[in-house]
C-alpha cells in the first residue's frame, strides 16, 4: 500500500495522505502503463498535482517524434493520463514543457522550447482554460535578449509577476550557455526583455523559486541526456533579477563526486502537513532496463533541507520516502 490516510489531531481533525515516493522503479499510471514524462515539471493547481513532460518512447530524443504529455494525481502515487498538451504542433523537436497559472487572465500558460531544425531553437507559448489542455499556441517564436534559447523554467512571484530563467546557447556575454532571468509580460506569454546579468556559463536545466524572501536559481553543467548526471549549483538573491551569488552545490559530495546521477528538471513545491516541501527532480538518463528511452527513471528527492542562512544541504540518496500531504 503506497497511499494511506491518517487523522491529524486538532480542532478540525483533518486527514493527511501519506504517500510513499518510489525512486527505484518506473512509475506507472492508473492503467498500469509506464509514465513516459521527462524533462518537465510538477505543479499543484487547485488541489491536484500535474506532471508535465516530454514523451520519448523508443527514440534517442533528438527527432521529430517528441510530444508533450500530462498526468494528474491527488496523492503523487496514482496518476491519470490526459494525453497530449499540443494537438496540432508544427513539425519539430520538442523539449522541456513548463506550465504556470495566470490569476489575472485565468489562463494556464505553457512555455516550451522547440527546434524546427536542430540546433536552431526557439521558445513558444500557449494557453488553455484547463491545466490538462489542450493548449493553443499563441507565439511560436518569442523574442528574448538571448539569441538561441535552450533549457528554461518558469516562476511566479508573490505579487503575480512572472519570470523565465533560461540558458542562451550562444551566450550572454563572453561565454556560451549563459544562464539569466527575464521578467515576463503581464499575460506571461512573452518576455519584457528586462533581465539579469549572466548568472553562470556553460550550464543548463534551471529551476527558480522563492523562500523566506530569497530568490533561488538552481542549475547544473551542460549534460544533455548524460547518464553520469550533473551538479546542482545554488544561487540566491534578494531580487528576482539579481544580482545572484552562489551559495553551494547540492548534488556534489565533499569530494566533488555527483550524488544523484541525474539531470535536474524541476524543483517542485508540494504542500504538506508541515508546510511547503521543496522536491528536487531529475531525470536519470540511461537508467532504463529495457533500452527504451521513455522508460528512464525520474528521481524525486526527499524535501530539501535549508540552513538558517538560506543555503541548502546536500542531497541524500533515498530510494523511497514518505510525504504527509494534506487531504
Protein backbone atom coordinates (compact mmCIF):
# COMPACT_ATOMS: atom_id res chain seq x y z
CA UNK A 1 0.00 0.00 0.00
CA UNK A 2 1.67 3.19 -1.15
CA UNK A 3 -1.02 5.65 -0.03
CA UNK A 4 -2.86 5.77 3.27
CA UNK A 5 -4.88 8.31 5.23
CA UNK A 6 -4.16 9.15 8.85
CA UNK A 7 -6.02 11.56 11.16
CA UNK A 8 -4.35 14.80 12.19
CA UNK A 9 -5.15 15.76 15.76
CA UNK A 10 -6.52 19.28 16.18
CA UNK A 11 -9.68 21.28 16.13
CA UNK A 12 -10.70 20.23 12.63
CA UNK A 13 -9.42 16.62 12.86
CA UNK A 14 -8.18 16.91 9.28
CA UNK A 15 -6.89 13.88 7.44
CA UNK A 16 -3.43 13.53 5.98
CA UNK A 17 -2.44 11.46 2.97
CA UNK A 18 0.78 9.53 3.49
CA UNK A 19 2.28 8.97 0.05
CA UNK A 20 5.29 6.72 -0.44
CA UNK A 21 7.50 8.10 -3.20
CA UNK A 22 9.46 5.40 -5.02
CA UNK A 23 12.66 6.19 -6.94
CA UNK A 24 14.00 2.71 -7.72
CA UNK A 25 11.30 1.62 -10.17
CA UNK A 26 9.46 3.14 -13.08
CA UNK A 27 6.26 4.99 -12.19
CA UNK A 28 3.08 3.70 -13.78
CA UNK A 29 -0.28 5.31 -14.43
CA UNK A 30 -3.67 4.01 -13.27
CA UNK A 31 -3.81 1.80 -16.37
CA UNK A 32 -0.53 0.11 -15.48
CA UNK A 33 1.38 1.76 -18.32
CA UNK A 34 4.86 3.27 -17.76
CA UNK A 35 4.82 7.04 -17.25
CA UNK A 36 6.87 8.45 -20.12
CA UNK A 37 7.05 12.08 -18.96
CA UNK A 38 10.53 13.65 -18.82
CA UNK A 39 12.36 16.99 -18.57
CA UNK A 40 9.26 18.87 -17.44
CA UNK A 41 7.73 19.94 -14.14
CA UNK A 42 5.42 19.04 -11.28
CA UNK A 43 2.75 21.64 -10.46
CA UNK A 44 -0.03 21.91 -7.86
CA UNK A 45 -3.18 23.59 -9.18
CA UNK A 46 -6.45 23.82 -7.24
CA UNK A 47 -5.90 20.77 -5.05
CA UNK A 48 -4.43 18.46 -7.69
CA UNK A 49 -0.90 17.65 -8.87
CA UNK A 50 0.02 17.80 -12.54
CA UNK A 51 3.11 16.19 -14.03
CA UNK A 52 4.16 17.71 -17.37
CA UNK A 53 6.89 16.35 -19.58
CA UNK A 54 8.22 15.12 -22.91
CA UNK A 55 7.26 11.68 -24.18
CA UNK A 56 10.25 9.98 -25.84
CA UNK A 57 9.11 6.37 -26.36
CA UNK A 58 11.83 4.26 -28.05
CA UNK A 59 13.70 7.17 -29.67
CA UNK A 60 17.07 8.77 -28.99
CA UNK A 61 15.37 12.07 -28.06
CA UNK A 62 16.74 14.04 -31.00
CA UNK A 63 13.99 13.51 -33.54
CA UNK A 64 10.58 14.83 -34.53
CA UNK A 65 8.71 12.22 -32.51
CA UNK A 66 8.82 14.00 -29.15
CA UNK A 67 5.42 15.01 -27.74
CA UNK A 68 4.26 16.82 -24.59
CA UNK A 69 2.03 14.91 -22.17
CA UNK A 70 0.41 15.50 -18.78
CA UNK A 71 -0.69 13.28 -15.90
CA UNK A 72 -2.65 14.27 -12.79
CA UNK A 73 -2.90 12.91 -9.25
CA UNK A 74 -4.31 13.77 -5.84
CA UNK A 75 -1.66 11.78 -3.94
CA UNK A 76 1.54 11.75 -6.07
CA UNK A 77 1.19 7.96 -6.46
CA UNK A 78 -1.89 7.23 -8.58
CA UNK A 79 -1.51 9.05 -11.89
CA UNK A 80 -4.20 9.58 -14.53
CA UNK A 81 -3.00 10.21 -18.11
CA UNK A 82 -4.61 13.11 -20.00
CA UNK A 83 -2.93 12.82 -23.37
CA UNK A 84 -1.15 15.46 -25.44
CA UNK A 85 -0.80 19.12 -24.44
CA UNK A 86 -0.43 20.34 -28.04
CA UNK A 87 -2.70 18.64 -30.55
CA UNK A 88 -1.54 20.44 -33.69
CA UNK A 89 2.11 21.30 -33.10
CA UNK A 90 4.19 22.13 -36.19
CA UNK A 91 6.98 19.66 -37.09
CA UNK A 92 10.00 19.99 -34.85
CA UNK A 93 11.99 18.55 -31.96
CA UNK A 94 10.33 19.38 -28.64
CA UNK A 95 11.83 19.59 -25.12
CA UNK A 96 11.03 20.84 -21.64
CA UNK A 97 7.40 21.95 -21.18
CA UNK A 98 6.70 24.22 -18.19
CA UNK A 99 3.27 25.45 -17.07
CA UNK A 100 2.20 28.28 -14.77
CA UNK A 101 -1.20 29.79 -13.92
CA UNK A 102 -2.03 33.45 -14.54
CA UNK A 103 -4.53 34.62 -11.93
CA UNK A 104 -5.25 37.84 -13.87
CA UNK A 105 -6.20 36.18 -17.15
CA UNK A 106 -7.35 32.91 -15.54
CA UNK A 107 -5.34 31.02 -18.10
CA UNK A 108 -2.80 28.23 -17.80
CA UNK A 109 0.31 29.21 -19.73
CA UNK A 110 2.71 26.74 -21.32
CA UNK A 111 6.25 27.66 -22.39
CA UNK A 112 8.37 25.18 -24.30
CA UNK A 113 11.50 25.10 -26.42
CA UNK A 114 11.38 23.53 -29.85
CA UNK A 115 13.69 23.16 -32.79
CA UNK A 116 12.26 23.39 -36.32
CA UNK A 117 15.81 22.28 -37.15
CA UNK A 118 18.49 21.14 -34.70
CA UNK A 119 20.03 23.22 -33.14
CA UNK A 120 18.07 26.31 -34.11
CA UNK A 121 15.92 26.54 -31.00
CA UNK A 122 13.22 28.98 -30.01
CA UNK A 123 10.72 29.43 -27.20
CA UNK A 124 6.97 29.33 -27.78
CA UNK A 125 3.96 29.94 -25.55
CA UNK A 126 0.43 28.57 -25.48
CA UNK A 127 -2.68 28.92 -23.28
CA UNK A 128 -5.53 26.78 -22.02
CA UNK A 129 -8.52 27.11 -19.72
CA UNK A 130 -7.54 23.77 -18.17
CA UNK A 131 -4.25 22.55 -16.70
CA UNK A 132 -4.68 19.42 -18.86
CA UNK A 133 -5.05 21.38 -22.08
CA UNK A 134 -5.27 21.16 -24.97
CA UNK A 135 -3.14 24.31 -25.25
CA UNK A 136 -3.50 26.81 -28.09
CA UNK A 137 -0.20 28.13 -29.45
CA UNK A 138 -0.17 31.94 -29.50
CA UNK A 139 3.53 32.69 -30.05
CA UNK A 140 5.71 30.27 -31.99
CA UNK A 141 8.86 32.36 -31.54
CA UNK A 142 9.28 34.60 -28.50
CA UNK A 143 11.76 37.46 -28.58
CA UNK A 144 14.26 37.38 -25.70
CA UNK A 145 17.56 39.08 -25.01
CA UNK A 146 19.36 35.82 -25.78
CA UNK A 147 19.87 34.72 -29.37
CA UNK A 148 19.49 30.96 -29.01
CA UNK A 149 17.31 29.89 -26.09
CA UNK A 150 17.84 26.41 -24.69
CA UNK A 151 16.68 24.95 -21.37
CA UNK A 152 14.35 27.05 -19.23
CA UNK A 153 11.82 27.12 -16.39
CA UNK A 154 9.07 29.47 -15.17
CA UNK A 155 8.39 31.18 -11.85
CA UNK A 156 5.54 33.34 -10.50
CA UNK A 157 6.32 35.75 -7.66
CA UNK A 158 4.04 36.57 -4.74
CA UNK A 159 2.82 39.74 -6.50
CA UNK A 160 1.85 37.78 -9.61
CA UNK A 161 4.83 38.83 -11.73
CA UNK A 162 6.12 36.06 -13.95
CA UNK A 163 9.72 35.22 -14.84
CA UNK A 164 11.56 32.89 -17.18
CA UNK A 165 15.00 31.55 -16.26
CA UNK A 166 16.86 30.16 -19.26
CA UNK A 167 20.09 29.28 -21.00
CA UNK A 168 21.27 31.15 -24.06
CA UNK A 169 23.19 28.54 -26.05
CA UNK A 170 25.15 31.17 -27.96
CA UNK A 171 25.94 33.03 -24.78
CA UNK A 172 25.13 36.21 -22.91
CA UNK A 173 28.46 37.91 -22.55
CA UNK A 174 31.70 36.19 -23.45
CA UNK A 175 30.78 32.54 -22.99
CA UNK A 176 28.21 30.02 -24.23
CA UNK A 177 25.25 28.53 -22.38
CA UNK A 178 24.77 31.59 -20.17
CA UNK A 179 22.01 31.47 -17.53
CA UNK A 180 19.86 34.52 -16.82
CA UNK A 181 16.37 35.58 -15.68
CA UNK A 182 13.89 37.77 -17.58
CA UNK A 183 10.60 39.31 -16.46
CA UNK A 184 7.51 38.23 -18.39
CA UNK A 185 4.73 40.39 -19.77
CA UNK A 186 1.58 40.64 -17.66
CA UNK A 187 -0.10 37.80 -19.58
CA UNK A 188 3.05 35.58 -19.24
CA UNK A 189 3.04 34.91 -23.00
CA UNK A 190 6.14 36.91 -23.91
CA UNK A 191 9.22 38.42 -22.28
CA UNK A 192 9.71 42.09 -21.47
CA UNK A 193 13.43 41.55 -22.21
CA UNK A 194 14.20 43.14 -18.83
CA UNK A 195 16.64 40.74 -17.26
CA UNK A 196 19.52 39.88 -15.01
CA UNK A 197 23.19 39.71 -15.81
CA UNK A 198 24.57 36.30 -16.70
CA UNK A 199 24.48 34.21 -13.52
CA UNK A 200 26.83 31.48 -14.76
CA UNK A 201 28.08 29.97 -18.03
CA UNK A 202 28.17 26.51 -19.64
CA UNK A 203 25.11 25.48 -17.65
CA UNK A 204 21.51 24.37 -18.28
CA UNK A 205 18.40 22.73 -16.77
CA UNK A 206 17.34 25.52 -14.34
CA UNK A 207 14.70 25.86 -11.66
CA UNK A 208 13.61 29.02 -9.84
CA UNK A 209 11.64 29.52 -6.63
CA UNK A 210 11.29 31.86 -3.64
CA UNK A 211 11.57 31.03 0.05
CA UNK A 212 11.71 33.33 3.09
CA UNK A 213 12.33 36.40 0.96
CA UNK A 214 15.18 34.86 -1.04
CA UNK A 215 15.03 34.03 -4.73
CA UNK A 216 16.73 30.78 -5.71
CA UNK A 217 18.04 29.74 -9.12
CA UNK A 218 19.43 26.20 -9.31
CA UNK A 219 21.06 24.54 -12.35
CA UNK A 220 23.98 22.34 -13.42
CA UNK A 221 26.65 21.96 -16.05
CA UNK A 222 25.66 21.14 -19.63
CA UNK A 223 24.69 17.47 -19.62
CA UNK A 224 22.31 16.66 -22.46
CA UNK A 225 20.86 13.17 -21.80
CA UNK A 226 24.07 12.31 -19.89
CA UNK A 227 23.96 9.11 -17.78
CA UNK A 228 26.56 10.38 -15.28
CA UNK A 229 24.36 13.24 -14.10
CA UNK A 230 25.05 16.92 -13.45
CA UNK A 231 25.73 19.09 -10.45
CA UNK A 232 23.09 21.41 -8.95
CA UNK A 233 24.56 24.82 -8.23
CA UNK A 234 22.53 27.06 -5.94
CA UNK A 235 22.40 30.84 -6.42
CA UNK A 236 20.36 33.28 -4.32
CA UNK A 237 19.35 36.93 -4.48
CA UNK A 238 17.09 39.40 -2.69
CA UNK A 239 15.64 40.41 -6.08
CA UNK A 240 14.35 38.18 -8.88
CA UNK A 241 16.61 39.92 -11.42
CA UNK A 242 19.67 39.69 -9.22
CA UNK A 243 22.48 40.13 -8.66
CA UNK A 244 22.82 36.45 -7.71
CA UNK A 245 25.51 34.92 -5.52
CA UNK A 246 26.49 31.27 -5.34
CA UNK A 247 25.85 29.51 -2.02
CA UNK A 248 26.73 25.89 -2.77
CA UNK A 249 26.09 22.77 -4.84
CA UNK A 250 23.56 20.26 -3.55
CA UNK A 251 24.45 17.41 -5.93
CA UNK A 252 28.18 17.02 -5.22
CA UNK A 253 29.58 15.41 -2.09
CA UNK A 254 32.59 16.56 -0.09
CA UNK A 255 34.96 15.03 -2.65
CA UNK A 256 33.22 16.66 -5.62
CA UNK A 257 31.53 13.45 -6.80
CA UNK A 258 27.99 13.58 -8.20
CA UNK A 259 25.50 12.27 -5.61
CA UNK A 260 22.43 11.54 -7.78
CA UNK A 261 23.32 10.54 -11.37
CA UNK A 262 20.57 12.66 -12.88
CA UNK A 263 19.97 15.97 -14.62
CA UNK A 264 17.68 18.42 -12.85
CA UNK A 265 14.31 19.07 -14.44
CA UNK A 266 12.44 20.97 -11.71
CA UNK A 267 12.20 21.88 -8.03
CA UNK A 268 8.57 21.24 -7.17
CA UNK A 269 6.72 22.91 -4.30
CA UNK A 270 4.47 20.37 -2.60
CA UNK A 271 2.05 21.35 0.21
CA UNK A 272 2.39 19.04 3.21
CA UNK A 273 1.14 18.97 6.77
CA UNK A 274 4.45 20.59 7.78
CA UNK A 275 4.23 23.39 5.21
CA UNK A 276 5.60 23.59 1.72
CA UNK A 277 8.17 20.93 0.78
CA UNK A 278 10.68 21.55 -2.00
CA UNK A 279 11.43 18.42 -4.03
CA UNK A 280 14.44 18.28 -6.35
CA UNK A 281 13.54 16.38 -9.52
CA UNK A 282 16.00 14.87 -12.00
CA UNK A 283 15.88 12.52 -14.97
CA UNK A 284 18.17 9.50 -14.60
CA UNK A 285 19.19 9.27 -18.25
CA UNK A 286 20.33 5.83 -19.28
CA UNK A 287 18.68 4.10 -16.32
CA UNK A 288 16.13 2.09 -18.35
CA UNK A 289 16.46 -1.66 -18.15
CA UNK A 290 14.77 -2.41 -21.47
CA UNK A 291 16.56 0.03 -23.79
CA UNK A 292 13.50 2.27 -24.20
CA UNK A 293 14.44 5.90 -23.56
CA UNK A 294 10.93 6.76 -22.45
CA UNK A 295 11.34 4.29 -19.56
CA UNK A 296 14.26 6.13 -17.95
CA UNK A 297 13.58 6.69 -14.25
CA UNK A 298 12.92 10.08 -12.73
CA UNK A 299 14.31 10.82 -9.27
CA UNK A 300 12.38 12.89 -6.73
CA UNK A 301 14.31 13.93 -3.63
CA UNK A 302 13.05 13.96 -0.08
CA UNK A 303 12.18 17.54 0.97
CA UNK A 304 15.20 19.83 0.67
CA UNK A 305 16.67 20.97 3.97
CA UNK A 306 17.54 24.65 4.36
CA UNK A 307 20.11 26.23 6.66
CA UNK A 308 19.50 29.40 8.66
CA UNK A 309 21.50 31.45 6.13
CA UNK A 310 19.30 30.23 3.28
CA UNK A 311 21.75 27.71 1.83
CA UNK A 312 20.57 24.16 1.09
CA UNK A 313 22.06 20.97 2.48
CA UNK A 314 23.46 18.41 0.07
CA UNK A 315 21.13 15.80 -1.38
CA UNK A 316 21.00 12.36 0.21
CA UNK A 317 20.00 9.41 -1.95
CA UNK A 318 16.69 7.84 -0.98
CA UNK A 319 15.14 5.00 -2.96
CA UNK A 320 11.86 5.64 -1.14
CA UNK A 321 10.43 8.12 1.36
CA UNK A 322 7.08 9.22 2.76
CA UNK A 323 5.33 12.56 2.25
CA UNK A 324 2.48 13.68 4.51
CA UNK A 325 0.11 15.52 2.19
CA UNK A 326 -2.90 17.48 3.44
CA UNK A 327 -6.09 15.67 2.45
